C-alpha atoms as a PDB file:
ATOM      1  CA  MET A   1      85.849 230.687 124.455  1.00  0.00           C
ATOM      2  CA  GLU A   2      88.071 230.372 121.406  1.00  0.00           C
ATOM      3  CA  THR A   3      91.837 229.947 121.803  1.00  0.00           C
ATOM      4  CA  ALA A   4      94.968 229.511 119.694  1.00  0.00           C
ATOM      5  CA  ILE A   5      98.757 229.375 119.983  1.00  0.00           C
ATOM      6  CA  VAL A   6     100.891 231.934 118.150  1.00  0.00           C
ATOM      7  CA  ARG A   7     104.538 231.002 117.690  1.00  0.00           C
ATOM      8  CA  ILE A   8     107.105 233.798 117.906  1.00  0.00           C
ATOM      9  CA  ARG A   9     110.866 233.704 117.330  1.00  0.00           C
ATOM     10  CA  THR A  10     112.581 236.326 119.492  1.00  0.00           C
ATOM     11  CA  GLY A  11     116.200 235.806 118.481  1.00  0.00           C
ATOM     12  CA  SER A  12     119.434 235.657 120.434  1.00  0.00           C
ATOM     13  CA  LYS A  13     119.356 238.974 122.314  1.00  0.00           C
ATOM     14  CA  PRO A  14     116.933 240.618 124.767  1.00  0.00           C
ATOM     15  CA  THR A  15     113.968 241.924 122.823  1.00  0.00           C
ATOM     16  CA  VAL A  16     110.717 243.803 122.845  1.00  0.00           C
ATOM     17  CA  ARG A  17     108.642 242.268 120.048  1.00  0.00           C
ATOM     18  CA  ASP A  18     105.440 243.808 118.689  1.00  0.00           C
ATOM     19  CA  ILE A  19     102.740 241.108 118.563  1.00  0.00           C
ATOM     20  CA  THR A  20      99.798 243.466 118.022  1.00  0.00           C
ATOM     21  CA  GLY A  21      99.220 242.231 114.460  1.00  0.00           C
ATOM     22  CA  GLU A  22      99.019 238.584 115.464  1.00  0.00           C
ATOM     23  CA  CYS A  23      96.660 239.432 118.335  1.00  0.00           C
ATOM     24  CA  ALA A  24      94.449 241.651 116.159  1.00  0.00           C
ATOM     25  CA  GLU A  25      94.204 238.970 113.469  1.00  0.00           C
ATOM     26  CA  PHE A  26      93.108 236.344 115.985  1.00  0.00           C
ATOM     27  CA  ALA A  27      90.638 238.709 117.679  1.00  0.00           C
ATOM     28  CA  ALA A  28      89.029 239.691 114.360  1.00  0.00           C
ATOM     29  CA  SER A  29      88.570 236.054 113.377  1.00  0.00           C
ATOM     30  CA  ALA A  30      87.319 234.885 116.777  1.00  0.00           C
ATOM     31  CA  ALA A  31      85.017 237.869 117.415  1.00  0.00           C
ATOM     32  CA  GLN A  32      83.391 237.803 113.959  1.00  0.00           C
ATOM     33  CA  GLY A  33      82.536 241.483 114.309  1.00  0.00           C
ATOM     34  CA  GLY A  34      81.346 241.152 117.897  1.00  0.00           C
ATOM     35  CA  ASP A  35      82.515 242.392 121.284  1.00  0.00           C
ATOM     36  CA  GLY A  36      84.433 240.611 124.025  1.00  0.00           C
ATOM     37  CA  LEU A  37      87.806 240.280 125.693  1.00  0.00           C
ATOM     38  CA  LEU A  38      91.118 239.122 124.287  1.00  0.00           C
ATOM     39  CA  HIS A  39      93.331 237.422 126.851  1.00  0.00           C
ATOM     40  CA  VAL A  40      97.008 237.097 125.898  1.00  0.00           C
ATOM     41  CA  PHE A  41      99.264 234.774 127.890  1.00  0.00           C
ATOM     42  CA  VAL A  42     102.899 233.750 127.484  1.00  0.00           C
ATOM     43  CA  PRO A  43     103.411 230.310 129.106  1.00  0.00           C
ATOM     44  CA  HIS A  44     107.110 230.790 129.775  1.00  0.00           C
ATOM     45  CA  ALA A  45     108.854 231.503 133.097  1.00  0.00           C
ATOM     46  CA  THR A  46     111.167 234.041 131.457  1.00  0.00           C
ATOM     47  CA  ALA A  47     108.953 236.349 129.373  1.00  0.00           C
ATOM     48  CA  GLY A  48     106.257 238.957 129.910  1.00  0.00           C
ATOM     49  CA  LEU A  49     103.720 241.097 128.066  1.00  0.00           C
ATOM     50  CA  ALA A  50     103.153 244.836 128.092  1.00  0.00           C
ATOM     51  CA  LEU A  51     100.843 247.427 126.569  1.00  0.00           C
ATOM     52  CA  MET A  52     103.128 250.242 125.461  1.00  0.00           C
ATOM     53  CA  GLU A  53     104.126 252.585 122.672  1.00  0.00           C
ATOM     54  CA  LEU A  54     106.614 250.911 120.346  1.00  0.00           C
ATOM     55  CA  GLY A  55     108.930 252.211 117.647  1.00  0.00           C
ATOM     56  CA  SER A  56     109.553 255.608 119.246  1.00  0.00           C
ATOM     57  CA  GLY A  57     112.485 254.504 121.371  1.00  0.00           C
ATOM     58  CA  SER A  58     110.317 253.248 124.236  1.00  0.00           C
ATOM     59  CA  ASP A  59     111.254 249.637 123.502  1.00  0.00           C
ATOM     60  CA  THR A  60     114.973 250.475 123.732  1.00  0.00           C
ATOM     61  CA  ASP A  61     114.306 252.522 126.881  1.00  0.00           C
ATOM     62  CA  LEU A  62     112.492 249.570 128.474  1.00  0.00           C
ATOM     63  CA  LEU A  63     115.355 247.182 127.716  1.00  0.00           C
ATOM     64  CA  ALA A  64     117.842 249.712 129.142  1.00  0.00           C
ATOM     65  CA  ALA A  65     115.743 250.127 132.305  1.00  0.00           C
ATOM     66  CA  LEU A  66     115.464 246.346 132.724  1.00  0.00           C
ATOM     67  CA  ASP A  67     119.210 246.011 132.208  1.00  0.00           C
ATOM     68  CA  GLU A  68     119.807 248.523 135.026  1.00  0.00           C
ATOM     69  CA  LEU A  69     117.220 246.923 137.300  1.00  0.00           C
ATOM     70  CA  LEU A  70     118.077 243.306 136.410  1.00  0.00           C
ATOM     71  CA  PRO A  71     121.721 243.229 135.250  1.00  0.00           C
ATOM     72  CA  ALA A  72     122.966 240.269 133.218  1.00  0.00           C
ATOM     73  CA  ASP A  73     125.714 239.369 135.686  1.00  0.00           C
ATOM     74  CA  ASN A  74     126.569 236.605 138.152  1.00  0.00           C
ATOM     75  CA  ARG A  75     124.512 237.860 141.144  1.00  0.00           C
ATOM     76  CA  TRP A  76     121.584 235.514 140.468  1.00  0.00           C
ATOM     77  CA  ARG A  77     121.130 232.293 142.457  1.00  0.00           C
ATOM     78  CA  HIS A  78     119.238 230.778 139.533  1.00  0.00           C
ATOM     79  CA  ALA A  79     122.464 230.403 137.594  1.00  0.00           C
ATOM     80  CA  HIS A  80     122.168 227.857 134.778  1.00  0.00           C
ATOM     81  CA  GLY A  81     122.305 228.961 131.139  1.00  0.00           C
ATOM     82  CA  SER A  82     123.913 232.118 129.862  1.00  0.00           C
ATOM     83  CA  ARG A  83     125.442 234.793 132.110  1.00  0.00           C
ATOM     84  CA  GLY A  84     122.686 236.533 134.068  1.00  0.00           C
ATOM     85  CA  HIS A  85     120.001 234.012 133.112  1.00  0.00           C
ATOM     86  CA  GLY A  86     118.456 234.302 136.585  1.00  0.00           C
ATOM     87  CA  ARG A  87     117.253 237.832 135.772  1.00  0.00           C
ATOM     88  CA  SER A  88     114.971 236.372 133.118  1.00  0.00           C
ATOM     89  CA  HIS A  89     113.197 234.374 135.830  1.00  0.00           C
ATOM     90  CA  VAL A  90     112.707 237.476 137.999  1.00  0.00           C
ATOM     91  CA  MET A  91     111.368 239.676 135.191  1.00  0.00           C
ATOM     92  CA  PRO A  92     107.829 238.144 135.002  1.00  0.00           C
ATOM     93  CA  ALA A  93     107.258 239.311 138.584  1.00  0.00           C
ATOM     94  CA  LEU A  94     107.669 242.859 137.241  1.00  0.00           C
ATOM     95  CA  ILE A  95     106.217 242.477 133.729  1.00  0.00           C
ATOM     96  CA  ALA A  96     103.261 240.099 133.930  1.00  0.00           C
ATOM     97  CA  PRO A  97     103.009 237.113 131.580  1.00  0.00           C
ATOM     98  CA  PHE A  98      99.403 238.020 130.665  1.00  0.00           C
ATOM     99  CA  LEU A  99      97.164 240.927 129.688  1.00  0.00           C
ATOM    100  CA  VAL A 100      93.543 241.544 128.680  1.00  0.00           C
ATOM    101  CA  VAL A 101      92.369 243.863 125.897  1.00  0.00           C
ATOM    102  CA  PRO A 102      88.749 244.801 125.107  1.00  0.00           C
ATOM    103  CA  VAL A 103      87.513 243.876 121.634  1.00  0.00           C
ATOM    104  CA  LEU A 104      84.792 246.079 120.157  1.00  0.00           C
ATOM    105  CA  GLY A 105      83.239 245.286 116.807  1.00  0.00           C
ATOM    106  CA  GLY A 106      85.917 242.665 116.171  1.00  0.00           C
ATOM    107  CA  ARG A 107      88.771 245.142 116.685  1.00  0.00           C
ATOM    108  CA  LEU A 108      91.225 245.577 119.540  1.00  0.00           C
ATOM    109  CA  ALA A 109      90.201 248.648 121.573  1.00  0.00           C
ATOM    110  CA  LEU A 110      93.747 249.907 122.092  1.00  0.00           C
ATOM    111  CA  GLY A 111      94.693 253.519 122.707  1.00  0.00           C
ATOM    112  CA  THR A 112      96.218 255.562 119.906  1.00  0.00           C
ATOM    113  CA  TRP A 113      99.824 254.680 120.706  1.00  0.00           C
ATOM    114  CA  GLN A 114      99.337 251.342 122.464  1.00  0.00           C
ATOM    115  CA  SER A 115     100.778 248.124 121.109  1.00  0.00           C
ATOM    116  CA  ILE A 116     100.978 244.635 122.570  1.00  0.00           C
ATOM    117  CA  ALA A 117     104.608 243.747 123.255  1.00  0.00           C
ATOM    118  CA  LEU A 118     106.329 240.489 124.155  1.00  0.00           C
ATOM    119  CA  ILE A 119     109.258 241.210 126.476  1.00  0.00           C
ATOM    120  CA  ASP A 120     111.936 238.512 126.413  1.00  0.00           C
ATOM    121  CA  LEU A 121     115.321 238.790 128.158  1.00  0.00           C
ATOM    122  CA  ASN A 122     116.109 235.067 127.828  1.00  0.00           C
ATOM    123  CA  VAL A 123     118.752 234.638 125.132  1.00  0.00           C
ATOM    124  CA  ASP A 124     118.823 230.866 125.703  1.00  0.00           C
ATOM    125  CA  ASN A 125     115.336 230.215 124.284  1.00  0.00           C
ATOM    126  CA  PRO A 126     114.455 232.099 121.085  1.00  0.00           C
ATOM    127  CA  ASP A 127     111.252 230.146 120.371  1.00  0.00           C
ATOM    128  CA  ARG A 128     108.161 231.394 122.205  1.00  0.00           C
ATOM    129  CA  GLN A 129     104.485 230.571 122.283  1.00  0.00           C
ATOM    130  CA  ILE A 130     101.727 233.050 122.976  1.00  0.00           C
ATOM    131  CA  ARG A 131      98.260 231.755 123.900  1.00  0.00           C
ATOM    132  CA  VAL A 132      95.517 234.086 122.698  1.00  0.00           C
ATOM    133  CA  SER A 133      91.965 233.496 123.926  1.00  0.00           C
ATOM    134  CA  PHE A 134      88.748 235.324 123.031  1.00  0.00           C
ATOM    135  CA  LEU A 135      85.767 235.442 125.338  1.00  0.00           C
ATOM    136  CA  GLY A 136      82.696 236.947 123.665  1.00  0.00           C
END
């Protein structure tokens, strides 16, 4: 197995960040034209990963849905940090912190409109790490 850390800066507001390019670059290098599985993992208690269409409004729709489901208010028992910070700790139970993508011929075998997205509601920590691992 080959593995690496990709560092991502998400900024100071809830975000859906496309990390497909970083994942594809690692997979191509690690696979060397071969087949296998790419495992993507975000080792943070307040972020998740999703396979979804990006850039067509879906990312904004997801953030709006999460805001309705997990409002940034004072209802959360986990209450340190910015207002509503506790919602960030609940989100990974809904949007998993890992995913697996097939790699065929050194390329991610994603569907036509699928991208790999980092979902981050935590405005208190803009610096993220993504662990990418390739198993041939």
